[in-house]
């Protein structure tokens, strides 16, 4: 996938639902806080999740940040879950998490799912080994997971600002947005980064990891038809952000 420069964005003032008085207030509020609310509950919609991953991770800094932080988050979750109260959970919860993520990986793509098996096994075994040699492994795991999610959230700073936060129908370069909005608004979004967005990244990390694997596989030449379909979809959204883009459009390309 190619990164998009600011010249590729359509900045139509007031084009988003935030500025449309006919849009229900609850919808406007949800989009202001969650950008794409459906991305957080349509978690089994593989085509939709693939589109949203490619759309919101176009810059190298954001992609690298996620690819480094997501395994850290998963390690923290494995460490915390593996030392939950009660001896019976030492293996059961990490294995259950691994099984769910692996199943999701196969739903995204067969090869991506197969790659997830050794990755998850390595993270689970590493968490098991570390947990046996440190005090308070559950608390340490929780801190690692939340810290990794915070850094992962901050890596979105490499991306342009999406609607409706941009105040436009489309995306706005971060520098232009910072120059436009008042300081209190920036501070408020900094607080939301810690208070809300970090937890959304924590929730997203297990389902994002297979999408990252698929992205790397496509960059290596795997499934060029899917890469072309996703690239075309992202390009169309950036060129015409006033259209409805919060619904999946590449189901046929993702299915095999």
Protein backbone atom coordinates (compact mmCIF):
# COMPACT_ATOMS: atom_id res chain seq x y z
CA UNK A 1 0.00 0.00 0.00
CA UNK A 2 1.23 3.45 -0.79
CA UNK A 3 1.19 6.38 1.60
CA UNK A 4 -1.05 9.26 0.63
CA UNK A 5 0.15 12.83 0.54
CA UNK A 6 -1.98 15.76 1.59
CA UNK A 7 -2.63 16.68 -2.04
CA UNK A 8 -4.69 13.50 -2.38
CA UNK A 9 -7.22 14.55 0.24
CA UNK A 10 -10.52 16.19 -0.51
CA UNK A 11 -11.08 18.82 2.17
CA UNK A 12 -14.70 19.87 1.79
CA UNK A 13 -15.75 21.99 4.76
CA UNK A 14 -18.63 20.51 6.68
CA UNK A 15 -19.00 17.47 4.45
CA UNK A 16 -19.06 14.95 7.25
CA UNK A 17 -22.03 13.78 9.27
CA UNK A 18 -20.75 15.89 12.17
CA UNK A 19 -21.92 18.99 10.35
CA UNK A 20 -25.19 17.54 9.02
CA UNK A 21 -28.08 18.64 11.27
CA UNK A 22 -30.22 15.74 10.03
CA UNK A 23 -27.76 13.19 11.43
CA UNK A 24 -28.87 11.95 14.88
CA UNK A 25 -26.80 13.46 17.69
CA UNK A 26 -25.82 10.01 18.97
CA UNK A 27 -24.32 9.20 15.57
CA UNK A 28 -22.40 12.48 15.49
CA UNK A 29 -21.10 11.90 19.02
CA UNK A 30 -20.08 8.30 18.27
CA UNK A 31 -18.20 9.32 15.14
CA UNK A 32 -16.48 12.16 16.99
CA UNK A 33 -15.17 9.77 19.62
CA UNK A 34 -14.77 6.52 17.66
CA UNK A 35 -14.26 7.78 14.07
CA UNK A 36 -15.69 4.51 12.69
CA UNK A 37 -17.88 3.05 15.45
CA UNK A 38 -18.64 -0.12 13.50
CA UNK A 39 -14.95 -1.05 13.44
CA UNK A 40 -15.17 -1.74 17.18
CA UNK A 41 -18.14 -4.09 17.10
CA UNK A 42 -18.13 -5.61 13.60
CA UNK A 43 -15.11 -7.57 14.73
CA UNK A 44 -15.89 -10.69 12.69
CA UNK A 45 -16.34 -8.83 9.40
CA UNK A 46 -12.98 -9.65 7.84
CA UNK A 47 -13.40 -7.53 4.71
CA UNK A 48 -14.48 -4.48 6.70
CA UNK A 49 -11.63 -4.89 9.18
CA UNK A 50 -9.11 -5.26 6.32
CA UNK A 51 -10.39 -2.08 4.68
CA UNK A 52 -10.22 -0.10 7.91
CA UNK A 53 -6.73 -1.35 8.69
CA UNK A 54 -5.42 -0.24 5.30
CA UNK A 55 -7.32 3.06 5.48
CA UNK A 56 -6.00 4.09 8.88
CA UNK A 57 -2.45 2.77 8.49
CA UNK A 58 -1.11 4.37 5.32
CA UNK A 59 2.08 5.90 6.74
CA UNK A 60 5.27 4.00 7.46
CA UNK A 61 5.51 5.35 11.01
CA UNK A 62 2.03 4.18 11.88
CA UNK A 63 2.47 0.75 10.31
CA UNK A 64 5.86 0.15 11.93
CA UNK A 65 4.57 1.42 15.27
CA UNK A 66 1.70 -1.03 15.18
CA UNK A 67 3.83 -3.94 14.01
CA UNK A 68 6.20 -3.37 16.92
CA UNK A 69 3.59 -2.61 19.57
CA UNK A 70 0.94 -5.22 18.78
CA UNK A 71 3.18 -8.20 19.71
CA UNK A 72 4.10 -6.34 22.90
CA UNK A 73 0.41 -5.89 23.74
CA UNK A 74 -0.22 -9.56 23.04
CA UNK A 75 2.74 -10.56 25.21
CA UNK A 76 1.37 -8.44 28.06
CA UNK A 77 -2.08 -9.97 27.68
CA UNK A 78 -0.63 -13.49 27.70
CA UNK A 79 1.45 -12.69 30.79
CA UNK A 80 -1.51 -11.20 32.65
CA UNK A 81 -3.99 -13.91 31.64
CA UNK A 82 -1.52 -16.67 32.42
CA UNK A 83 -1.27 -15.46 36.01
CA UNK A 84 -4.88 -14.66 36.71
CA UNK A 85 -6.09 -15.75 40.17
CA UNK A 86 -6.48 -19.50 40.34
CA UNK A 87 -4.04 -22.18 39.23
CA UNK A 88 -6.38 -23.50 36.57
CA UNK A 89 -5.92 -20.42 34.39
CA UNK A 90 -2.15 -20.67 33.91
CA UNK A 91 -2.52 -22.27 30.51
CA UNK A 92 -6.24 -22.16 29.82
CA UNK A 93 -6.65 -18.40 29.24
CA UNK A 94 -3.51 -17.87 27.10
CA UNK A 95 -4.38 -20.93 25.01
CA UNK A 96 -7.96 -19.70 24.63
CA UNK A 97 -6.75 -16.26 23.49
CA UNK A 98 -4.34 -17.89 21.04
CA UNK A 99 -7.08 -20.11 19.66
CA UNK A 100 -9.43 -17.15 19.12
CA UNK A 101 -6.78 -15.06 17.38
CA UNK A 102 -5.71 -18.03 15.24
CA UNK A 103 -9.31 -18.70 14.20
CA UNK A 104 -9.71 -15.03 13.31
CA UNK A 105 -6.47 -15.20 11.33
CA UNK A 106 -7.83 -18.06 9.24
CA UNK A 107 -11.04 -16.11 8.71
CA UNK A 108 -8.96 -13.23 7.32
CA UNK A 109 -6.78 -15.46 5.14
CA UNK A 110 -5.53 -19.06 5.27
CA UNK A 111 -1.85 -18.21 5.01
CA UNK A 112 -2.13 -15.36 7.50
CA UNK A 113 -3.84 -17.76 9.90
CA UNK A 114 -1.08 -20.33 9.46
CA UNK A 115 1.58 -17.71 10.15
CA UNK A 116 -0.20 -16.71 13.34
CA UNK A 117 0.21 -20.19 14.85
CA UNK A 118 3.99 -20.02 15.48
CA UNK A 119 3.83 -16.31 16.32
CA UNK A 120 1.23 -16.86 19.03
CA UNK A 121 2.99 -19.95 20.33
CA UNK A 122 6.25 -18.01 20.66
CA UNK A 123 4.57 -15.12 22.49
CA UNK A 124 2.70 -17.49 24.80
CA UNK A 125 5.83 -19.46 25.69
CA UNK A 126 7.83 -16.27 26.20
CA UNK A 127 5.15 -14.94 28.55
CA UNK A 128 5.18 -18.23 30.40
CA UNK A 129 8.95 -18.12 30.83
CA UNK A 130 9.00 -14.49 31.96
CA UNK A 131 6.10 -15.05 34.35
CA UNK A 132 8.03 -17.77 36.14
CA UNK A 133 10.95 -15.46 36.90
CA UNK A 134 9.44 -12.09 37.87
CA UNK A 135 7.37 -10.92 40.85
CA UNK A 136 3.75 -9.92 40.27
CA UNK A 137 3.60 -11.18 36.67
CA UNK A 138 -0.12 -10.42 36.31
CA UNK A 139 0.37 -6.75 37.19
CA UNK A 140 3.47 -6.57 35.00
CA UNK A 141 1.58 -8.10 32.09
CA UNK A 142 -1.28 -5.63 32.47
CA UNK A 143 1.18 -2.72 32.56
CA UNK A 144 3.00 -3.99 29.47
CA UNK A 145 -0.27 -4.45 27.56
CA UNK A 146 -1.56 -0.98 28.43
CA UNK A 147 1.82 0.65 27.78
CA UNK A 148 2.08 -1.05 24.41
CA UNK A 149 -1.45 0.03 23.53
CA UNK A 150 -0.62 3.63 24.47
CA UNK A 151 2.46 3.65 22.21
CA UNK A 152 0.42 2.02 19.47
CA UNK A 153 -2.20 4.76 19.82
CA UNK A 154 0.46 7.45 19.64
CA UNK A 155 1.79 5.99 16.39
CA UNK A 156 -1.42 7.22 14.75
CA UNK A 157 0.16 10.66 15.04
CA UNK A 158 2.02 9.85 11.83
CA UNK A 159 -1.31 9.66 10.01
CA UNK A 160 -3.36 12.58 8.76
CA UNK A 161 -6.33 13.56 10.91
CA UNK A 162 -9.54 11.78 9.82
CA UNK A 163 -13.07 13.13 9.64
CA UNK A 164 -14.92 14.30 11.60
CA UNK A 165 -12.02 15.41 13.81
CA UNK A 166 -10.41 17.18 10.86
CA UNK A 167 -13.45 19.45 10.54
CA UNK A 168 -13.61 18.52 6.85
CA UNK A 169 -15.24 15.82 4.81
CA UNK A 170 -11.79 14.30 4.34
CA UNK A 171 -8.45 13.96 6.03
CA UNK A 172 -6.17 16.85 7.02
CA UNK A 173 -2.37 16.75 7.47
CA UNK A 174 -1.47 16.69 11.16
CA UNK A 175 0.57 19.90 11.00
CA UNK A 176 -2.27 21.79 9.35
CA UNK A 177 -4.73 20.46 11.92
CA UNK A 178 -2.49 21.47 14.84
CA UNK A 179 -2.18 24.95 13.38
CA UNK A 180 -5.95 25.22 12.95
CA UNK A 181 -7.43 24.02 16.23
CA UNK A 182 -7.14 25.75 19.63
CA UNK A 183 -4.72 24.48 22.25
CA UNK A 184 -7.52 23.29 24.54
CA UNK A 185 -8.86 21.06 21.75
CA UNK A 186 -5.45 19.44 21.27
CA UNK A 187 -5.19 18.95 25.03
CA UNK A 188 -8.64 17.36 25.10
CA UNK A 189 -7.66 14.89 22.42
CA UNK A 190 -4.45 14.15 24.30
CA UNK A 191 -6.55 13.27 27.33
CA UNK A 192 -8.81 11.09 25.17
CA UNK A 193 -5.74 9.29 23.87
CA UNK A 194 -5.01 8.12 27.39
CA UNK A 195 -8.57 7.76 28.60
CA UNK A 196 -10.27 6.18 25.58
CA UNK A 197 -8.18 5.53 22.48
CA UNK A 198 -5.57 3.47 24.33
CA UNK A 199 -8.27 1.08 25.49
CA UNK A 200 -9.70 0.86 21.99
CA UNK A 201 -6.24 -0.07 20.71
CA UNK A 202 -6.00 -2.69 23.44
CA UNK A 203 -9.34 -4.11 22.32
CA UNK A 204 -8.24 -3.98 18.67
CA UNK A 205 -4.79 -5.55 19.02
CA UNK A 206 -5.78 -9.25 18.90
CA UNK A 207 -7.75 -8.77 15.66
CA UNK A 208 -5.22 -6.36 14.12
CA UNK A 209 -2.23 -8.72 14.32
CA UNK A 210 -3.46 -11.11 11.56
CA UNK A 211 -4.28 -8.05 9.41
CA UNK A 212 -0.71 -6.86 9.85
CA UNK A 213 0.55 -10.27 8.78
CA UNK A 214 -1.70 -10.18 5.71
CA UNK A 215 -0.44 -6.67 4.88
CA UNK A 216 3.19 -7.85 4.98
CA UNK A 217 2.35 -10.92 2.90
CA UNK A 218 0.68 -8.73 0.26
CA UNK A 219 3.69 -6.41 0.17
CA UNK A 220 5.78 -9.52 -0.52
CA UNK A 221 3.62 -10.34 -3.55
CA UNK A 222 0.93 -12.53 -2.01
CA UNK A 223 -2.65 -12.09 -3.30
CA UNK A 224 -2.02 -9.18 -5.67
CA UNK A 225 -5.72 -9.04 -6.56
CA UNK A 226 -6.62 -8.37 -2.93
CA UNK A 227 -3.91 -5.76 -2.58
CA UNK A 228 -5.17 -4.04 -5.73
CA UNK A 229 -8.77 -4.11 -4.48
CA UNK A 230 -7.87 -2.68 -1.08
CA UNK A 231 -5.63 -0.02 -2.61
CA UNK A 232 -8.40 1.01 -5.01
CA UNK A 233 -10.89 1.17 -2.15
CA UNK A 234 -8.59 3.34 0.01
CA UNK A 235 -7.79 5.61 -2.95
CA UNK A 236 -11.51 6.04 -3.65
CA UNK A 237 -12.22 6.95 -0.03
CA UNK A 238 -9.48 9.56 0.01
CA UNK A 239 -10.63 10.99 -3.33
CA UNK A 240 -14.34 11.03 -2.40
CA UNK A 241 -14.63 11.16 1.40
CA UNK A 242 -18.10 12.67 1.16
CA UNK A 243 -19.45 9.29 0.07
CA UNK A 244 -20.51 6.65 2.56
CA UNK A 245 -17.29 4.76 3.28
CA UNK A 246 -18.06 3.11 6.60
CA UNK A 247 -19.38 -0.05 4.94
CA UNK A 248 -17.21 -2.86 3.49
CA UNK A 249 -16.73 -2.97 -0.28
CA UNK A 250 -14.14 -5.71 -0.89
CA UNK A 251 -15.85 -8.85 0.38
CA UNK A 252 -15.48 -10.70 -2.93
CA UNK A 253 -11.77 -9.90 -3.14
CA UNK A 254 -11.10 -11.05 0.43
CA UNK A 255 -13.03 -14.31 0.13
CA UNK A 256 -11.18 -17.37 -1.15
